[in-house]
């Protein structure tokens, strides 16, 4: 039963990624619409997904998984993001994604210690540095509301929005470090980037709502900006219910855990404490998932992560499955309500294109920085040189590679070149 459930989790998650319905990687979620709307090729999307997720799978997810007989969910869902987006979204590509995702989940359950050792045997470590590619994305993504405000309402209001987001983020950091927020004796950790993002979105919405009707350009329909994207999530609610049920069942059977803290608590047999820790994490995670879902039309396969709490608190696996499906259904329906609320304010219509442009600009910068940091960690000096040269030559050539893919693609190339140079005796592995 354990093998069947994990295989189904991998298969369904890969299908969700393949069809652009949901991805687990928060930094990847804003990029998927770029492909759906024709601004990013499938190949570039697949390369970006690989660069952003591969290092996290092997360098973060699998090591935690190997410390106990419980799989950290990152190990499965970051991998299925790559599998789903690397296979074509057509009548044969989607079934292939399902088969590969299911096989990947099953393989994880059987253990991948040998796989990790194989990559560790390479002279140049490519696993830990590759995790740096996506590191700046979530942190920098919280800037996009301020940038959208600056585009639409002027730089001064954009600066005020940015400063408010910075202040709230630091307050969240202070609250986390001080431990003042607790739930039944367990400290509640806020997602500081998520909190800052939602504050920026509030500023954007307030400015947009206050914009007079005569100041709004005609021909832009808010339904196409927010409601259509949320409706896209809502029409796939059955997929999310299946996924939520499977995740809750796997959690109830103690096959998977949603984060390293609850995983370690479960390994010690402290299931109630693990549920409290998972709930605290979910509370801090809600703003980030909700904001990116409304803005992009792409959800997370585990939603607000409350399905893990359901799985840990449910009395048996079948109740967990039903409860997980219901919880994620409610989440999706709440997103739709938020979008309908926004429809009442025509002043927000003007913000659609500005939001998309701001997201793209932020991702271009974040992925370039992340790719440069990853490349330089693999090959100090040469990494920065290669990424800078690739970026500038790509610009001179008319951008055959979209800007946001330059950093991730360059980091992968440097990882390959660095190992080849070491084998050829032309480079010493970095310490």
Foldseek 3Di string as FASTA:
>chain_A
DLLVLLLQLQLLLLLCLLVLAAAADLLLNQVSLCVVVPNAPLVLSLLVLCLQQVLCLLVPQQVLCVVFLAGAVSNQRSVSNNLSSNFHNDPPRSVVSSNVRSVSSSVVNVGDPVVSVVQVPFQFRQRNLSNLLSVLRLQLLLLLLLQLCCVPPNNVLSVVLVVVLVVQLVVLVVCQVVQPDDDPRHRQRAPSSLRSSVSSVVSSLVVLLPDDPVVDDPDFALCVQFVVLLVLNLVCLVSLLQSQLSLLLSLLVSRYAHDSVLVVCVRVVNLVVSLRRQVSQLVNQQSSQLVSSRRRSHHHSQHSSNLNSLSSPDPHSNSSSNVRSVVSNVRSVVSNVVSVVSNVRVSCRRSRVSSSVSSVVSLLVSSLVSLLSSLCSRPPPVSVVQLVVQQVVCVVVVNPPPSNSSSSVSSVVSNVVSSVCVVVVNDRTDD
